Amino acid sequence: SSVSSQISSGVTEIFSTYFAFAALKSDGSVVTWGASGYGADSSSVSSQLSSGVTEIFSSLSAFAALKSDGSVVTWGESTWGGDSSSVSSQISSGVTEIFSSDSAFAALKSDGSVVTWGHYSNGDSSSVSSQISSGVTKISTSTSSFAALKSDGSVVTWGVSGYGGDSSSVSSQISSGVTEIFSTDRAFAALKSDGSVVTWGDSGYGGDSSSVSSQISSGVTEIFSTDTAFAALKSDGSVVTWGDPSNGGDSSSISSALSSGVSEIFSSDRAFAALKSDGSVVTWGHSGYGGDSSSVTSSLSSGVQNVYSSSKAFAVID
């Protein structure tokens, strides 16, 4: 209600932290509301947010606005990315995209370099600064770590070691050939050009894929994840899963249904739903999060066109 007149028209997109919203308007201005400590109070940077903003990114309690001139404006909880004063000169121009963990930001610049700020545990990339000074094309995040993919197919990581920030155990495997990186809350999975997968991070969150290593040594085309498990889709339409068994890592009960014909996979926080080429849907994982679809089996046996998910449920259009 405090900003009702400002958001009565012209809003093009809305972004959020855990307890606040930021509305981007067609004139490039930003309006915020919610809990002040989570980015609702943007008064300290209001003049910078009055025009020129093209996109907004968020951690759990701070916002980072990317402007048309390549500069970045931040506000919200200072230690969780709201205060970027330590790197202000580095993000005053040339930024093309921003990525975030729960408590830190990483800005990718047009020259392929990366600038980080936020919580010391994952906002500090000084240990790998020389490796991310050029050549970075994309960044993936877990809740407390970052993984940067470089143009030469190598990966550089930083942040909390147990959350994927330490990839030293697989360094030789991710030194080349990586095409994309995926993540759970505490682990990463790198897809390589030869169709193989390399994982690291918390073993209980998918960081340890040794139990399915032979199945993901080739033929993988895409990887999907819940908060704690991974599901790899292979070129033959089969699916391989690993990670927390109760949250999607164990698909043995429906292995025959996942042996072929899968075209896409969707996820809630703790369950997966596989859409098959015949229009049927198969689910597994935590029953309270959509993993148990037995009550609607007949409705999911054919004709499904798309699957949607919330954090704890699935919905299909047939």
Protein backbone atom coordinates (compact mmCIF):
# COMPACT_ATOMS: atom_id res chain seq x y z
CA SER A 1 0.00 0.00 0.00
CA SER A 2 2.87 2.42 0.65
CA VAL A 3 3.84 2.30 -3.04
CA SER A 4 0.44 1.61 -4.62
CA SER A 5 0.46 4.75 -6.76
CA GLN A 6 3.91 3.90 -8.12
CA ILE A 7 2.93 0.39 -9.21
CA SER A 8 -0.52 1.22 -10.57
CA SER A 9 0.85 1.14 -14.13
CA GLY A 10 3.96 0.64 -16.23
CA VAL A 11 5.40 -2.39 -14.43
CA THR A 12 7.09 -4.89 -16.78
CA GLU A 13 8.64 -7.42 -14.40
CA ILE A 14 8.87 -8.26 -10.69
CA PHE A 15 11.84 -9.70 -8.77
CA SER A 16 12.12 -10.93 -5.19
CA THR A 17 14.35 -11.66 -2.22
CA TYR A 18 13.02 -13.83 0.60
CA PHE A 19 10.81 -11.09 2.07
CA ALA A 20 10.74 -8.21 -0.41
CA PHE A 21 9.79 -7.32 -3.99
CA ALA A 22 11.31 -5.03 -6.60
CA ALA A 23 9.18 -3.94 -9.57
CA LEU A 24 10.92 -2.88 -12.78
CA LYS A 25 8.96 -0.32 -14.78
CA SER A 26 8.95 0.44 -18.50
CA ASP A 27 10.76 3.73 -17.88
CA GLY A 28 13.67 1.85 -16.29
CA SER A 29 12.82 2.84 -12.73
CA VAL A 30 12.46 0.50 -9.75
CA VAL A 31 9.91 0.39 -6.93
CA THR A 32 10.47 -1.78 -3.82
CA TRP A 33 8.34 -2.96 -0.88
CA GLY A 34 8.29 -5.63 1.82
CA ALA A 35 10.67 -6.17 4.75
CA SER A 36 13.21 -3.34 4.88
CA GLY A 37 16.12 -5.55 5.86
CA TYR A 38 15.57 -7.72 2.81
CA GLY A 39 15.82 -5.02 0.15
CA ALA A 40 12.42 -3.34 0.49
CA ASP A 41 14.08 -0.09 1.49
CA SER A 42 15.92 1.27 -1.55
CA SER A 43 15.88 4.92 -0.44
CA SER A 44 19.67 5.07 -0.18
CA VAL A 45 19.97 4.42 -3.93
CA SER A 46 16.66 5.88 -5.12
CA SER A 47 18.29 8.40 -7.47
CA GLN A 48 20.25 5.59 -9.15
CA LEU A 49 17.10 3.53 -9.59
CA SER A 50 15.00 6.28 -11.12
CA SER A 51 15.94 5.30 -14.69
CA GLY A 52 18.12 3.05 -16.85
CA VAL A 53 17.62 -0.27 -15.04
CA THR A 54 17.29 -3.24 -17.41
CA GLU A 55 17.25 -6.22 -15.03
CA ILE A 56 17.33 -7.05 -11.33
CA PHE A 57 19.00 -9.96 -9.54
CA SER A 58 18.75 -11.05 -5.91
CA SER A 59 20.31 -12.95 -3.05
CA LEU A 60 18.11 -13.98 -0.12
CA SER A 61 18.17 -10.48 1.35
CA ALA A 62 19.67 -8.05 -1.20
CA PHE A 63 19.09 -6.80 -4.74
CA ALA A 64 21.50 -5.92 -7.56
CA ALA A 65 20.18 -3.83 -10.45
CA LEU A 66 21.93 -3.92 -13.83
CA LYS A 67 21.69 -0.68 -15.76
CA SER A 68 21.81 0.00 -19.50
CA ASP A 69 25.25 1.59 -19.15
CA GLY A 70 26.65 -1.66 -17.71
CA SER A 71 26.81 -0.40 -14.14
CA VAL A 72 25.37 -2.11 -11.06
CA VAL A 73 23.41 -0.68 -8.13
CA THR A 74 22.95 -2.72 -4.93
CA TRP A 75 20.84 -2.41 -1.79
CA GLY A 76 19.53 -4.57 1.03
CA GLU A 77 21.35 -6.52 3.74
CA SER A 78 24.90 -5.18 3.45
CA THR A 79 26.79 -8.36 4.33
CA TRP A 80 24.67 -10.47 1.96
CA GLY A 81 25.42 -8.42 -1.15
CA GLY A 82 23.58 -5.19 -0.47
CA ASP A 83 26.83 -3.28 -0.01
CA SER A 84 29.06 -3.36 -3.10
CA SER A 85 31.19 -0.34 -2.17
CA SER A 86 34.37 -2.46 -2.02
CA VAL A 87 34.06 -3.18 -5.75
CA SER A 88 32.20 -0.06 -6.89
CA SER A 89 34.84 0.98 -9.41
CA GLN A 90 34.86 -2.49 -10.96
CA ILE A 91 31.09 -2.63 -11.51
CA SER A 92 30.64 0.95 -12.71
CA SER A 93 30.65 -0.24 -16.34
CA GLY A 94 30.94 -3.30 -18.56
CA VAL A 95 28.74 -5.70 -16.60
CA THR A 96 26.57 -7.93 -18.81
CA GLU A 97 25.01 -10.35 -16.31
CA ILE A 98 24.81 -11.01 -12.57
CA PHE A 99 24.59 -14.35 -10.75
CA SER A 100 23.85 -14.94 -7.07
CA SER A 101 24.16 -17.42 -4.25
CA ASP A 102 22.09 -17.05 -1.08
CA SER A 103 24.39 -14.35 0.24
CA ALA A 104 26.69 -13.09 -2.52
CA PHE A 105 26.79 -11.82 -6.09
CA ALA A 106 29.09 -12.41 -9.06
CA ALA A 107 29.06 -9.93 -11.96
CA LEU A 108 30.17 -11.15 -15.38
CA LYS A 109 31.74 -8.41 -17.48
CA SER A 110 31.98 -8.00 -21.24
CA ASP A 111 35.72 -8.72 -21.13
CA GLY A 112 35.06 -12.14 -19.56
CA SER A 113 36.17 -11.15 -16.09
CA VAL A 114 34.18 -11.67 -12.88
CA VAL A 115 33.71 -9.34 -9.91
CA THR A 116 32.30 -10.70 -6.63
CA TRP A 117 30.94 -9.24 -3.41
CA GLY A 118 28.78 -10.23 -0.47
CA HIS A 119 29.22 -12.67 2.39
CA TYR A 120 32.90 -13.44 2.95
CA SER A 121 32.38 -17.20 2.69
CA ASN A 122 31.36 -17.08 -0.97
CA GLY A 123 31.60 -13.43 -2.02
CA ASP A 124 35.38 -13.53 -1.72
CA SER A 125 36.95 -14.89 -4.91
CA SER A 126 40.48 -13.64 -4.22
CA SER A 127 41.87 -17.19 -4.17
CA VAL A 128 40.94 -17.63 -7.85
CA SER A 129 41.13 -14.00 -9.00
CA SER A 130 43.74 -14.69 -11.69
CA GLN A 131 41.62 -17.53 -13.12
CA ILE A 132 38.47 -15.44 -13.46
CA SER A 133 40.12 -12.29 -14.79
CA SER A 134 39.21 -13.29 -18.36
CA GLY A 135 37.51 -15.96 -20.46
CA VAL A 136 34.46 -16.62 -18.27
CA THR A 137 31.26 -17.21 -20.26
CA LYS A 138 28.76 -18.36 -17.63
CA ILE A 139 28.42 -18.85 -13.89
CA SER A 140 26.44 -21.46 -11.96
CA THR A 141 25.63 -21.26 -8.25
CA SER A 142 24.83 -23.49 -5.31
CA THR A 143 23.46 -21.88 -2.14
CA SER A 144 26.94 -20.86 -0.97
CA SER A 145 29.35 -21.39 -3.90
CA PHE A 146 30.03 -20.40 -7.48
CA ALA A 147 31.30 -22.32 -10.51
CA ALA A 148 32.51 -20.33 -13.52
CA LEU A 149 32.60 -21.91 -16.97
CA LYS A 150 35.36 -20.57 -19.21
CA SER A 151 35.59 -20.35 -22.99
CA ASP A 152 38.24 -23.08 -23.03
CA GLY A 153 35.83 -25.53 -21.37
CA SER A 154 37.44 -25.37 -17.96
CA VAL A 155 35.69 -24.66 -14.64
CA VAL A 156 36.79 -22.47 -11.73
CA THR A 157 35.07 -22.68 -8.33
CA TRP A 158 35.02 -20.66 -5.14
CA GLY A 159 32.89 -20.34 -2.01
CA VAL A 160 32.14 -22.77 0.81
CA SER A 161 34.13 -25.94 0.09
CA GLY A 162 31.43 -28.35 1.25
CA TYR A 163 28.89 -26.67 -1.01
CA GLY A 164 30.90 -27.14 -4.20
CA GLY A 165 33.38 -24.34 -3.72
CA ASP A 166 36.26 -26.83 -3.65
CA SER A 167 36.56 -28.83 -6.88
CA SER A 168 40.17 -29.93 -6.39
CA SER A 169 39.19 -33.61 -6.29
CA VAL A 170 38.00 -33.41 -9.91
CA SER A 171 40.25 -30.63 -11.18
CA SER A 172 41.77 -32.72 -13.98
CA GLN A 173 38.31 -33.77 -15.20
CA ILE A 174 36.98 -30.22 -15.44
CA SER A 175 40.09 -28.61 -16.92
CA SER A 176 38.59 -28.87 -20.41
CA GLY A 177 35.56 -30.05 -22.36
CA VAL A 178 32.83 -28.79 -20.05
CA THR A 179 29.81 -27.32 -21.89
CA GLU A 180 27.38 -26.64 -19.04
CA ILE A 181 27.16 -26.69 -15.25
CA PHE A 182 24.15 -27.64 -13.10
CA SER A 183 23.66 -27.52 -9.33
CA THR A 184 21.75 -28.67 -6.29
CA ASP A 185 21.90 -26.70 -3.03
CA ARG A 186 25.35 -28.05 -2.16
CA ALA A 187 26.82 -29.72 -5.23
CA PHE A 188 27.62 -29.22 -8.92
CA ALA A 189 27.41 -31.46 -11.98
CA ALA A 190 29.41 -30.58 -15.09
CA LEU A 191 28.23 -31.86 -18.47
CA LYS A 192 31.08 -32.44 -20.92
CA SER A 193 31.15 -32.36 -24.71
CA ASP A 194 31.58 -36.15 -24.83
CA GLY A 195 28.30 -36.63 -22.94
CA SER A 196 29.93 -37.54 -19.64
CA VAL A 197 29.20 -35.98 -16.25
CA VAL A 198 31.56 -34.92 -13.46
CA THR A 199 30.25 -34.10 -9.97
CA TRP A 200 31.63 -32.54 -6.81
CA GLY A 201 30.38 -31.02 -3.55
CA ASP A 202 28.36 -32.52 -0.70
CA SER A 203 27.96 -36.24 -1.38
CA GLY A 204 24.48 -36.29 0.12
CA TYR A 205 23.39 -33.58 -2.30
CA GLY A 206 24.61 -35.22 -5.51
CA GLY A 207 28.29 -34.44 -5.23
CA ASP A 208 29.12 -38.15 -5.26
CA SER A 209 27.94 -39.92 -8.42
CA SER A 210 30.23 -42.96 -8.13
CA SER A 211 27.26 -45.34 -7.84
CA VAL A 212 26.16 -44.42 -11.38
CA SER A 213 29.53 -43.50 -12.89
CA SER A 214 29.31 -46.06 -15.71
CA GLN A 215 25.83 -44.84 -16.68
CA ILE A 216 26.84 -41.19 -16.95
CA SER A 217 30.18 -41.72 -18.69
CA SER A 218 28.56 -40.97 -22.06
CA GLY A 219 25.30 -40.05 -23.77
CA VAL A 220 24.01 -37.46 -21.32
CA THR A 221 22.33 -34.47 -22.99
CA GLU A 222 20.94 -32.51 -20.04
CA ILE A 223 20.84 -32.54 -16.25
CA PHE A 224 18.02 -31.54 -13.89
CA SER A 225 17.99 -31.18 -10.12
CA THR A 226 15.97 -31.00 -6.95
CA ASP A 227 17.50 -29.32 -3.89
CA THR A 228 19.48 -32.47 -3.10
CA ALA A 229 19.55 -34.80 -6.13
CA PHE A 230 20.32 -34.89 -9.85
CA ALA A 231 18.61 -36.55 -12.81
CA ALA A 232 20.51 -36.95 -16.09
CA LEU A 233 18.59 -37.30 -19.36
CA LYS A 234 20.39 -39.38 -21.96
CA SER A 235 20.22 -39.31 -25.75
CA ASP A 236 18.39 -42.65 -25.78
CA GLY A 237 15.58 -41.18 -23.66
CA SER A 238 16.63 -42.90 -20.44
CA VAL A 239 17.18 -41.24 -17.06
CA VAL A 240 19.89 -41.76 -14.44
CA THR A 241 19.53 -40.37 -10.92
CA TRP A 242 21.80 -39.89 -7.90
CA GLY A 243 21.98 -37.88 -4.69
CA ASP A 244 19.61 -37.91 -1.72
CA PRO A 245 17.55 -41.09 -2.33
CA SER A 246 14.40 -39.78 -0.64
CA ASN A 247 14.36 -36.55 -2.65
CA GLY A 248 14.75 -37.89 -6.18
CA GLY A 249 18.14 -39.56 -6.09
CA ASP A 250 16.64 -43.06 -6.03
CA SER A 251 14.40 -43.86 -9.01
CA SER A 252 14.75 -47.65 -8.82
CA SER A 253 11.01 -48.16 -8.15
CA ILE A 254 10.17 -46.81 -11.61
CA SER A 255 13.39 -47.72 -13.44
CA SER A 256 11.55 -49.51 -16.24
CA ALA A 257 9.46 -46.38 -16.96
CA LEU A 258 12.63 -44.29 -17.13
CA SER A 259 14.59 -46.67 -19.36
CA SER A 260 13.40 -44.98 -22.57
CA GLY A 261 11.10 -42.37 -24.07
CA VAL A 262 11.69 -39.49 -21.66
CA SER A 263 11.73 -36.10 -23.39
CA GLU A 264 12.02 -33.68 -20.47
CA ILE A 265 12.30 -33.61 -16.69
CA PHE A 266 10.79 -31.13 -14.22
CA SER A 267 11.43 -30.74 -10.52
CA SER A 268 9.99 -29.44 -7.28
CA ASP A 269 12.29 -28.94 -4.29
CA ARG A 270 12.35 -32.67 -3.51
CA ALA A 271 10.76 -34.59 -6.39
CA PHE A 272 11.00 -35.13 -10.15
CA ALA A 273 8.40 -35.48 -12.90
CA ALA A 274 9.44 -36.94 -16.27
CA LEU A 275 7.42 -36.12 -19.38
CA LYS A 276 7.59 -38.92 -21.94
CA SER A 277 7.28 -38.78 -25.72
CA ASP A 278 3.95 -40.65 -25.54
CA GLY A 279 2.46 -37.83 -23.42
CA SER A 280 2.60 -39.69 -20.12
CA VAL A 281 4.20 -38.46 -16.90
CA VAL A 282 6.17 -40.43 -14.31
CA THR A 283 7.04 -39.04 -10.87
CA TRP A 284 9.41 -39.99 -8.06
CA GLY A 285 10.95 -38.50 -4.95
CA HIS A 286 9.38 -37.13 -1.76
CA SER A 287 5.64 -37.88 -1.74
CA GLY A 288 4.82 -34.58 -0.05
CA TYR A 289 6.53 -32.66 -2.84
CA GLY A 290 4.82 -34.29 -5.82
CA GLY A 291 6.81 -37.49 -5.95
CA ASP A 292 3.68 -39.61 -5.45
CA SER A 293 1.21 -39.14 -8.32
CA SER A 294 -0.68 -42.40 -7.76
CA SER A 295 -3.95 -40.59 -7.10
CA VAL A 296 -3.94 -39.15 -10.64
CA THR A 297 -2.22 -41.98 -12.53
CA SER A 298 -4.99 -42.28 -15.12
CA SER A 299 -4.82 -38.56 -15.89
CA LEU A 300 -1.08 -38.78 -16.44
CA SER A 301 -1.08 -41.84 -18.69
CA SER A 302 -1.37 -39.86 -21.94
CA GLY A 303 -2.00 -36.47 -23.53
CA VAL A 304 0.16 -34.32 -21.27
CA GLN A 305 1.60 -31.32 -23.12
CA ASN A 306 3.52 -29.58 -20.36
CA VAL A 307 4.42 -29.87 -16.69
CA TYR A 308 4.73 -27.03 -14.18
CA SER A 309 6.01 -27.04 -10.62
CA SER A 310 5.93 -25.09 -7.39
CA SER A 311 8.33 -25.84 -4.56
CA LYS A 312 6.11 -28.69 -3.32
CA ALA A 313 3.76 -29.73 -6.14
CA PHE A 314 3.28 -30.39 -9.86
CA ALA A 315 0.52 -29.43 -12.30
CA VAL A 316 0.08 -30.57 -15.91
CA ILE A 317 -1.79 -29.31 -18.95
CA ASP A 318 -3.14 -32.06 -21.17
